[in-house]
Amino acid sequence: MTDRLLSEVDRTVSRGEPSALFWVHYFDVHEPYDATTLGNSDFDRYDSEILATDRAIGRLVRETRRV
């Protein structure tokens, strides 16, 4: 998701378009929880998804601030 959005931001900027609003929704934090970096319980897998999504959003914010 993050890579796709950053590609779209790059395309928008390279075309010289005015500032734009991009809406993005990370569905990763909904069932079924796949990430297991924190453990195998439902709670651990949920927390792991939150951690992964938080990192993705952090990357998104860092990279769009550079544009």
PDB file of N, CA and C in Angstrom:
ATOM      1  N   MET A   1       0.818  -1.192   0.000  1.00  0.00           N
ATOM      2  CA  MET A   1       0.000   0.000   0.000  1.00  0.00           C
ATOM      3  C   MET A   1       0.864   1.259   0.000  1.00  0.00           C
ATOM      4  N   THR A   2       1.855   1.287   0.846  1.00  0.00           N
ATOM      5  CA  THR A   2       2.707   2.469   0.957  1.00  0.00           C
ATOM      6  C   THR A   2       3.462   2.722  -0.337  1.00  0.00           C
ATOM      7  N   ASP A   3       4.013   1.665  -0.930  1.00  0.00           N
ATOM      8  CA  ASP A   3       4.738   1.827  -2.200  1.00  0.00           C
ATOM      9  C   ASP A   3       3.835   2.378  -3.288  1.00  0.00           C
ATOM     10  N   ARG A   4       2.603   1.866  -3.365  1.00  0.00           N
ATOM     11  CA  ARG A   4       1.666   2.340  -4.396  1.00  0.00           C
ATOM     12  C   ARG A   4       1.333   3.803  -4.193  1.00  0.00           C
ATOM     13  N   LEU A   5       1.096   4.196  -2.964  1.00  0.00           N
ATOM     14  CA  LEU A   5       0.763   5.593  -2.703  1.00  0.00           C
ATOM     15  C   LEU A   5       1.941   6.511  -2.990  1.00  0.00           C
ATOM     16  N   LEU A   6       3.139   6.106  -2.584  1.00  0.00           N
ATOM     17  CA  LEU A   6       4.311   6.942  -2.855  1.00  0.00           C
ATOM     18  C   LEU A   6       4.559   7.081  -4.353  1.00  0.00           C
ATOM     19  N   SER A   7       4.290   6.045  -5.120  1.00  0.00           N
ATOM     20  CA  SER A   7       4.411   6.139  -6.579  1.00  0.00           C
ATOM     21  C   SER A   7       3.418   7.147  -7.140  1.00  0.00           C
ATOM     22  N   GLU A   8       2.213   7.143  -6.623  1.00  0.00           N
ATOM     23  CA  GLU A   8       1.198   8.094  -7.088  1.00  0.00           C
ATOM     24  C   GLU A   8       1.574   9.524  -6.703  1.00  0.00           C
ATOM     25  N   VAL A   9       2.116   9.711  -5.517  1.00  0.00           N
ATOM     26  CA  VAL A   9       2.576  11.039  -5.099  1.00  0.00           C
ATOM     27  C   VAL A   9       3.679  11.522  -6.039  1.00  0.00           C
ATOM     28  N   ASP A  10       4.621  10.644  -6.341  1.00  0.00           N
ATOM     29  CA  ASP A  10       5.702  11.004  -7.266  1.00  0.00           C
ATOM     30  C   ASP A  10       5.150  11.399  -8.635  1.00  0.00           C
ATOM     31  N   ARG A  11       4.195  10.636  -9.145  1.00  0.00           N
ATOM     32  CA  ARG A  11       3.592  10.961 -10.452  1.00  0.00           C
ATOM     33  C   ARG A  11       2.892  12.314 -10.402  1.00  0.00           C
ATOM     34  N   THR A  12       2.173  12.569  -9.338  1.00  0.00           N
ATOM     35  CA  THR A  12       1.452  13.833  -9.197  1.00  0.00           C
ATOM     36  C   THR A  12       2.420  15.012  -9.174  1.00  0.00           C
ATOM     37  N   VAL A  13       3.484  14.881  -8.417  1.00  0.00           N
ATOM     38  CA  VAL A  13       4.480  15.955  -8.317  1.00  0.00           C
ATOM     39  C   VAL A  13       5.195  16.150  -9.652  1.00  0.00           C
ATOM     40  N   SER A  14       5.565  15.053 -10.307  1.00  0.00           N
ATOM     41  CA  SER A  14       6.312  15.163 -11.568  1.00  0.00           C
ATOM     42  C   SER A  14       5.474  15.795 -12.676  1.00  0.00           C
ATOM     43  N   ARG A  15       4.167  15.676 -12.591  1.00  0.00           N
ATOM     44  CA  ARG A  15       3.283  16.311 -13.579  1.00  0.00           C
ATOM     45  C   ARG A  15       3.036  17.786 -13.265  1.00  0.00           C
ATOM     46  N   GLY A  16       3.532  18.231 -12.124  1.00  0.00           N
ATOM     47  CA  GLY A  16       3.354  19.632 -11.755  1.00  0.00           C
ATOM     48  C   GLY A  16       1.945  19.954 -11.290  1.00  0.00           C
ATOM     49  N   GLU A  17       1.220  18.949 -10.863  1.00  0.00           N
ATOM     50  CA  GLU A  17      -0.150  19.184 -10.397  1.00  0.00           C
ATOM     51  C   GLU A  17      -0.123  19.907  -9.050  1.00  0.00           C
ATOM     52  N   PRO A  18      -1.191  20.629  -8.746  1.00  0.00           N
ATOM     53  CA  PRO A  18      -1.243  21.330  -7.462  1.00  0.00           C
ATOM     54  C   PRO A  18      -1.319  20.330  -6.314  1.00  0.00           C
ATOM     55  N   SER A  19      -1.171  20.833  -5.115  1.00  0.00           N
ATOM     56  CA  SER A  19      -1.266  19.971  -3.933  1.00  0.00           C
ATOM     57  C   SER A  19      -2.519  19.121  -4.003  1.00  0.00           C
ATOM     58  N   ALA A  20      -2.402  17.906  -3.497  1.00  0.00           N
ATOM     59  CA  ALA A  20      -3.517  16.977  -3.575  1.00  0.00           C
ATOM     60  C   ALA A  20      -3.711  16.287  -2.238  1.00  0.00           C
ATOM     61  N   LEU A  21      -4.898  15.777  -2.025  1.00  0.00           N
ATOM     62  CA  LEU A  21      -5.222  14.984  -0.848  1.00  0.00           C
ATOM     63  C   LEU A  21      -5.298  13.529  -1.286  1.00  0.00           C
ATOM     64  N   PHE A  22      -4.564  12.672  -0.630  1.00  0.00           N
ATOM     65  CA  PHE A  22      -4.609  11.245  -0.905  1.00  0.00           C
ATOM     66  C   PHE A  22      -5.212  10.551   0.303  1.00  0.00           C
ATOM     67  N   TRP A  23      -6.239   9.769   0.067  1.00  0.00           N
ATOM     68  CA  TRP A  23      -6.854   9.006   1.140  1.00  0.00           C
ATOM     69  C   TRP A  23      -6.336   7.587   1.048  1.00  0.00           C
ATOM     70  N   VAL A  24      -5.838   7.085   2.154  1.00  0.00           N
ATOM     71  CA  VAL A  24      -5.313   5.717   2.171  1.00  0.00           C
ATOM     72  C   VAL A  24      -5.817   5.027   3.430  1.00  0.00           C
ATOM     73  N   HIS A  25      -6.169   3.763   3.279  1.00  0.00           N
ATOM     74  CA  HIS A  25      -6.649   2.970   4.420  1.00  0.00           C
ATOM     75  C   HIS A  25      -5.866   1.670   4.471  1.00  0.00           C
ATOM     76  N   TYR A  26      -5.187   1.449   5.560  1.00  0.00           N
ATOM     77  CA  TYR A  26      -4.434   0.214   5.751  1.00  0.00           C
ATOM     78  C   TYR A  26      -5.358  -0.834   6.369  1.00  0.00           C
ATOM     79  N   PHE A  27      -5.694  -1.848   5.600  1.00  0.00           N
ATOM     80  CA  PHE A  27      -6.597  -2.889   6.064  1.00  0.00           C
ATOM     81  C   PHE A  27      -5.879  -3.958   6.886  1.00  0.00           C
ATOM     82  N   ASP A  28      -4.572  -3.863   7.016  1.00  0.00           N
ATOM     83  CA  ASP A  28      -3.782  -4.890   7.685  1.00  0.00           C
ATOM     84  C   ASP A  28      -4.227  -5.144   9.128  1.00  0.00           C
ATOM     85  N   VAL A  29      -4.784  -4.145   9.759  1.00  0.00           N
ATOM     86  CA  VAL A  29      -5.115  -4.267  11.176  1.00  0.00           C
ATOM     87  C   VAL A  29      -6.527  -4.827  11.376  1.00  0.00           C
ATOM     88  N   HIS A  30      -7.038  -5.509  10.392  1.00  0.00           N
ATOM     89  CA  HIS A  30      -8.328  -6.191  10.498  1.00  0.00           C
ATOM     90  C   HIS A  30      -8.097  -7.688  10.364  1.00  0.00           C
ATOM     91  N   GLU A  31      -8.998  -8.463  10.906  1.00  0.00           N
ATOM     92  CA  GLU A  31      -8.905  -9.928  10.793  1.00  0.00           C
ATOM     93  C   GLU A  31      -8.793 -10.335   9.341  1.00  0.00           C
ATOM     94  N   PRO A  32      -8.095 -11.363   8.987  1.00  0.00           N
ATOM     95  CA  PRO A  32      -7.258 -12.211   9.856  1.00  0.00           C
ATOM     96  C   PRO A  32      -5.910 -11.556  10.101  1.00  0.00           C
ATOM     97  N   TYR A  33      -5.413 -11.692  11.289  1.00  0.00           N
ATOM     98  CA  TYR A  33      -4.122 -11.119  11.652  1.00  0.00           C
ATOM     99  C   TYR A  33      -3.023 -12.084  11.223  1.00  0.00           C
ATOM    100  N   ASP A  34      -2.118 -11.615  10.383  1.00  0.00           N
ATOM    101  CA  ASP A  34      -1.075 -12.477   9.842  1.00  0.00           C
ATOM    102  C   ASP A  34       0.276 -12.317  10.529  1.00  0.00           C
ATOM    103  N   ALA A  35       0.637 -11.102  10.857  1.00  0.00           N
ATOM    104  CA  ALA A  35       1.971 -10.870  11.411  1.00  0.00           C
ATOM    105  C   ALA A  35       2.112 -11.572  12.761  1.00  0.00           C
ATOM    106  N   THR A  36       3.252 -12.171  12.993  1.00  0.00           N
ATOM    107  CA  THR A  36       3.456 -12.912  14.238  1.00  0.00           C
ATOM    108  C   THR A  36       4.792 -12.575  14.887  1.00  0.00           C
ATOM    109  N   THR A  37       5.293 -11.380  14.673  1.00  0.00           N
ATOM    110  CA  THR A  37       6.601 -11.015  15.224  1.00  0.00           C
ATOM    111  C   THR A  37       6.586 -10.892  16.744  1.00  0.00           C
ATOM    112  N   LEU A  38       5.418 -10.764  17.343  1.00  0.00           N
ATOM    113  CA  LEU A  38       5.330 -10.601  18.793  1.00  0.00           C
ATOM    114  C   LEU A  38       4.806 -11.839  19.510  1.00  0.00           C
ATOM    115  N   GLY A  39       4.373 -12.832  18.780  1.00  0.00           N
ATOM    116  CA  GLY A  39       3.831 -14.046  19.389  1.00  0.00           C
ATOM    117  C   GLY A  39       2.709 -14.611  18.551  1.00  0.00           C
ATOM    118  N   ASN A  40       2.070 -15.664  19.028  1.00  0.00           N
ATOM    119  CA  ASN A  40       1.049 -16.354  18.235  1.00  0.00           C
ATOM    120  C   ASN A  40      -0.376 -16.196  18.740  1.00  0.00           C
ATOM    121  N   SER A  41      -0.568 -15.560  19.880  1.00  0.00           N
ATOM    122  CA  SER A  41      -1.936 -15.367  20.350  1.00  0.00           C
ATOM    123  C   SER A  41      -2.628 -14.321  19.474  1.00  0.00           C
ATOM    124  N   ASP A  42      -3.945 -14.281  19.511  1.00  0.00           N
ATOM    125  CA  ASP A  42      -4.680 -13.273  18.745  1.00  0.00           C
ATOM    126  C   ASP A  42      -4.219 -11.867  19.117  1.00  0.00           C
ATOM    127  N   PHE A  43      -4.040 -11.633  20.405  1.00  0.00           N
ATOM    128  CA  PHE A  43      -3.613 -10.322  20.879  1.00  0.00           C
ATOM    129  C   PHE A  43      -2.226  -9.980  20.346  1.00  0.00           C
ATOM    130  N   ASP A  44      -1.301 -10.954  20.393  1.00  0.00           N
ATOM    131  CA  ASP A  44       0.055 -10.724  19.880  1.00  0.00           C
ATOM    132  C   ASP A  44       0.046 -10.457  18.385  1.00  0.00           C
ATOM    133  N   ARG A  45      -0.736 -11.209  17.644  1.00  0.00           N
ATOM    134  CA  ARG A  45      -0.799 -11.010  16.193  1.00  0.00           C
ATOM    135  C   ARG A  45      -1.414  -9.654  15.867  1.00  0.00           C
ATOM    136  N   TYR A  46      -2.439  -9.241  16.624  1.00  0.00           N
ATOM    137  CA  TYR A  46      -3.041  -7.919  16.435  1.00  0.00           C
ATOM    138  C   TYR A  46      -2.001  -6.824  16.699  1.00  0.00           C
ATOM    139  N   ASP A  47      -1.289  -6.935  17.820  1.00  0.00           N
ATOM    140  CA  ASP A  47      -0.257  -5.947  18.139  1.00  0.00           C
ATOM    141  C   ASP A  47       0.825  -5.916  17.071  1.00  0.00           C
ATOM    142  N   SER A  48       1.168  -7.064  16.528  1.00  0.00           N
ATOM    143  CA  SER A  48       2.170  -7.137  15.476  1.00  0.00           C
ATOM    144  C   SER A  48       1.697  -6.410  14.217  1.00  0.00           C
ATOM    145  N   GLU A  49       0.420  -6.565  13.880  1.00  0.00           N
ATOM    146  CA  GLU A  49      -0.148  -5.849  12.734  1.00  0.00           C
ATOM    147  C   GLU A  49      -0.130  -4.346  12.978  1.00  0.00           C
ATOM    148  N   ILE A  50      -0.451  -3.933  14.200  1.00  0.00           N
ATOM    149  CA  ILE A  50      -0.403  -2.510  14.555  1.00  0.00           C
ATOM    150  C   ILE A  50       1.018  -1.975  14.383  1.00  0.00           C
ATOM    151  N   LEU A  51       2.005  -2.721  14.857  1.00  0.00           N
ATOM    152  CA  LEU A  51       3.397  -2.311  14.737  1.00  0.00           C
ATOM    153  C   LEU A  51       3.811  -2.175  13.272  1.00  0.00           C
ATOM    154  N   ALA A  52       3.459  -3.145  12.456  1.00  0.00           N
ATOM    155  CA  ALA A  52       3.818  -3.101  11.030  1.00  0.00           C
ATOM    156  C   ALA A  52       3.140  -1.924  10.332  1.00  0.00           C
ATOM    157  N   THR A  53       1.876  -1.685  10.648  1.00  0.00           N
ATOM    158  CA  THR A  53       1.144  -0.576  10.036  1.00  0.00           C
ATOM    159  C   THR A  53       1.700   0.760  10.500  1.00  0.00           C
ATOM    160  N   ASP A  54       2.046   0.861  11.765  1.00  0.00           N
ATOM    161  CA  ASP A  54       2.647   2.085  12.290  1.00  0.00           C
ATOM    162  C   ASP A  54       3.951   2.398  11.568  1.00  0.00           C
ATOM    163  N   ARG A  55       4.747   1.384  11.326  1.00  0.00           N
ATOM    164  CA  ARG A  55       6.002   1.593  10.591  1.00  0.00           C
ATOM    165  C   ARG A  55       5.736   2.040   9.156  1.00  0.00           C
ATOM    166  N   ALA A  56       4.733   1.457   8.513  1.00  0.00           N
ATOM    167  CA  ALA A  56       4.397   1.830   7.136  1.00  0.00           C
ATOM    168  C   ALA A  56       3.920   3.284   7.073  1.00  0.00           C
ATOM    169  N   ILE A  57       3.098   3.686   8.021  1.00  0.00           N
ATOM    170  CA  ILE A  57       2.614   5.068   8.039  1.00  0.00           C
ATOM    171  C   ILE A  57       3.758   6.025   8.347  1.00  0.00           C
ATOM    172  N   GLY A  58       4.652   5.638   9.238  1.00  0.00           N
ATOM    173  CA  GLY A  58       5.829   6.463   9.521  1.00  0.00           C
ATOM    174  C   GLY A  58       6.662   6.674   8.276  1.00  0.00           C
ATOM    175  N   ARG A  59       6.867   5.608   7.514  1.00  0.00           N
ATOM    176  CA  ARG A  59       7.613   5.724   6.252  1.00  0.00           C
ATOM    177  C   ARG A  59       6.890   6.649   5.284  1.00  0.00           C
ATOM    178  N   LEU A  60       5.583   6.497   5.183  1.00  0.00           N
ATOM    179  CA  LEU A  60       4.783   7.337   4.299  1.00  0.00           C
ATOM    180  C   LEU A  60       4.939   8.810   4.667  1.00  0.00           C
ATOM    181  N   VAL A  61       4.850   9.125   5.932  1.00  0.00           N
ATOM    182  CA  VAL A  61       4.973  10.509   6.377  1.00  0.00           C
ATOM    183  C   VAL A  61       6.380  11.043   6.095  1.00  0.00           C
ATOM    184  N   ARG A  62       7.409  10.257   6.426  1.00  0.00           N
ATOM    185  CA  ARG A  62       8.791  10.699   6.181  1.00  0.00           C
ATOM    186  C   ARG A  62       9.037  10.982   4.701  1.00  0.00           C
ATOM    187  N   GLU A  63       8.621  10.076   3.852  1.00  0.00           N
ATOM    188  CA  GLU A  63       8.918  10.223   2.418  1.00  0.00           C
ATOM    189  C   GLU A  63       8.084  11.312   1.754  1.00  0.00           C
ATOM    190  N   THR A  64       6.861  11.520   2.188  1.00  0.00           N
ATOM    191  CA  THR A  64       6.070  12.602   1.569  1.00  0.00           C
ATOM    192  C   THR A  64       6.532  13.969   2.043  1.00  0.00           C
ATOM    193  N   ARG A  65       7.119  14.047   3.205  1.00  0.00           N
ATOM    194  CA  ARG A  65       7.659  15.339   3.672  1.00  0.00           C
ATOM    195  C   ARG A  65       8.859  15.764   2.839  1.00  0.00           C
ATOM    196  N   ARG A  66       9.529  14.829   2.205  1.00  0.00           N
ATOM    197  CA  ARG A  66      10.700  15.141   1.374  1.00  0.00           C
ATOM    198  C   ARG A  66      10.308  15.730   0.021  1.00  0.00           C
ATOM    199  N   VAL A  67       9.072  15.531  -0.375  1.00  0.00           N
ATOM    200  CA  VAL A  67       8.626  15.972  -1.709  1.00  0.00           C
ATOM    201  C   VAL A  67       8.386  17.450  -1.721  1.00  0.00           C
TER     202      VAL A  67
END
